[in-house]
C-alpha atoms as a PDB file:
ATOM      1  CA  UNK A   1      30.926  15.689  -3.661  1.00  0.00           C
ATOM      2  CA  UNK A   2      32.851  13.847  -0.974  1.00  0.00           C
ATOM      3  CA  UNK A   3      30.328  11.332   0.256  1.00  0.00           C
ATOM      4  CA  UNK A   4      28.054   8.927  -1.545  1.00  0.00           C
ATOM      5  CA  UNK A   5      25.082   7.511   0.333  1.00  0.00           C
ATOM      6  CA  UNK A   6      23.403   4.280  -0.619  1.00  0.00           C
ATOM      7  CA  UNK A   7      20.275   2.678   0.841  1.00  0.00           C
ATOM      8  CA  UNK A   8      20.870  -0.168   3.264  1.00  0.00           C
ATOM      9  CA  UNK A   9      17.367  -1.583   2.821  1.00  0.00           C
ATOM     10  CA  UNK A  10      15.827  -2.561  -0.522  1.00  0.00           C
ATOM     11  CA  UNK A  11      13.036  -0.233  -1.696  1.00  0.00           C
ATOM     12  CA  UNK A  12      10.332  -2.941  -1.538  1.00  0.00           C
ATOM     13  CA  UNK A  13      11.225  -3.845   2.053  1.00  0.00           C
ATOM     14  CA  UNK A  14      11.203  -0.156   3.032  1.00  0.00           C
ATOM     15  CA  UNK A  15       7.757   0.294   1.411  1.00  0.00           C
ATOM     16  CA  UNK A  16       6.315  -2.692   3.266  1.00  0.00           C
ATOM     17  CA  UNK A  17       7.758  -1.446   6.537  1.00  0.00           C
ATOM     18  CA  UNK A  18       6.363   2.065   6.009  1.00  0.00           C
ATOM     19  CA  UNK A  19       2.889   0.767   5.124  1.00  0.00           C
ATOM     20  CA  UNK A  20       2.898  -1.576   8.131  1.00  0.00           C
ATOM     21  CA  UNK A  21       3.851   1.333  10.391  1.00  0.00           C
ATOM     22  CA  UNK A  22       1.101   3.492   8.859  1.00  0.00           C
ATOM     23  CA  UNK A  23      -1.413   0.667   9.256  1.00  0.00           C
ATOM     24  CA  UNK A  24      -0.466   0.068  12.899  1.00  0.00           C
ATOM     25  CA  UNK A  25      -0.249   3.755  13.848  1.00  0.00           C
ATOM     26  CA  UNK A  26      -3.257   5.313  12.152  1.00  0.00           C
ATOM     27  CA  UNK A  27      -5.628   2.502  11.210  1.00  0.00           C
ATOM     28  CA  UNK A  28      -5.613   0.181  14.244  1.00  0.00           C
ATOM     29  CA  UNK A  29      -4.093  -2.569  12.088  1.00  0.00           C
ATOM     30  CA  UNK A  30      -7.231  -2.646   9.928  1.00  0.00           C
ATOM     31  CA  UNK A  31      -6.622  -3.144   6.206  1.00  0.00           C
ATOM     32  CA  UNK A  32     -10.262  -2.239   5.553  1.00  0.00           C
ATOM     33  CA  UNK A  33      -9.796   1.188   7.153  1.00  0.00           C
ATOM     34  CA  UNK A  34      -6.653   1.990   5.194  1.00  0.00           C
ATOM     35  CA  UNK A  35      -8.273   0.963   1.892  1.00  0.00           C
ATOM     36  CA  UNK A  36     -11.361   3.049   2.718  1.00  0.00           C
ATOM     37  CA  UNK A  37      -9.140   6.041   3.470  1.00  0.00           C
ATOM     38  CA  UNK A  38      -7.207   5.582   0.230  1.00  0.00           C
ATOM     39  CA  UNK A  39     -10.415   5.311  -1.773  1.00  0.00           C
ATOM     40  CA  UNK A  40     -11.814   8.415  -0.083  1.00  0.00           C
ATOM     41  CA  UNK A  41      -8.705  10.523  -0.706  1.00  0.00           C
ATOM     42  CA  UNK A  42      -8.115   9.187  -4.213  1.00  0.00           C
ATOM     43  CA  UNK A  43     -11.726   8.925  -5.355  1.00  0.00           C
ATOM     44  CA  UNK A  44     -11.529  11.823  -7.771  1.00  0.00           C
ATOM     45  CA  UNK A  45      -8.355  10.497  -9.386  1.00  0.00           C
ATOM     46  CA  UNK A  46      -9.086   6.770  -9.593  1.00  0.00           C
ATOM     47  CA  UNK A  47      -9.973   5.497 -13.038  1.00  0.00           C
ATOM     48  CA  UNK A  48     -12.050   2.431 -13.826  1.00  0.00           C
ATOM     49  CA  UNK A  49      -8.766   0.809 -14.829  1.00  0.00           C
ATOM     50  CA  UNK A  50      -7.254   1.596 -11.387  1.00  0.00           C
ATOM     51  CA  UNK A  51     -10.270   0.107  -9.629  1.00  0.00           C
ATOM     52  CA  UNK A  52     -10.213  -2.952 -11.895  1.00  0.00           C
ATOM     53  CA  UNK A  53      -6.547  -3.514 -11.102  1.00  0.00           C
ATOM     54  CA  UNK A  54      -7.265  -3.264  -7.372  1.00  0.00           C
ATOM     55  CA  UNK A  55     -10.151  -5.709  -7.720  1.00  0.00           C
ATOM     56  CA  UNK A  56      -7.850  -8.168  -9.491  1.00  0.00           C
ATOM     57  CA  UNK A  57      -5.276  -7.871  -6.691  1.00  0.00           C
ATOM     58  CA  UNK A  58      -7.984  -8.570  -4.114  1.00  0.00           C
ATOM     59  CA  UNK A  59      -9.220 -11.614  -6.041  1.00  0.00           C
ATOM     60  CA  UNK A  60      -5.655 -12.921  -6.344  1.00  0.00           C
ATOM     61  CA  UNK A  61      -5.115 -12.464  -2.590  1.00  0.00           C
ATOM     62  CA  UNK A  62      -8.359 -14.358  -1.901  1.00  0.00           C
ATOM     63  CA  UNK A  63      -7.229 -17.272  -4.051  1.00  0.00           C
ATOM     64  CA  UNK A  64      -3.838 -17.356  -2.333  1.00  0.00           C
ATOM     65  CA  UNK A  65      -5.553 -17.434   1.055  1.00  0.00           C
ATOM     66  CA  UNK A  66      -4.134 -14.139   2.364  1.00  0.00           C
END
C-alpha cells in the first residue's frame, strides 16, 4: 500500500457533529423527536439495562443543568 490515511478529526468530535447534523436535518432540532425515533426503532432490542442507563444519563444531564 502506498498511502496511509488518518482521521483529521477525533472520533468523539465527528460523532457529535454527525448527531447535530442529523438532529438539525431530520428532527427540527428537537432532542425529544430524535429520542422518540430511537426508542421506536430500537424498541425490540432495548433491554431494561439499556433503558436504565439512558434514564441515568437523563438524570445526570438534569442535575448538570443541560
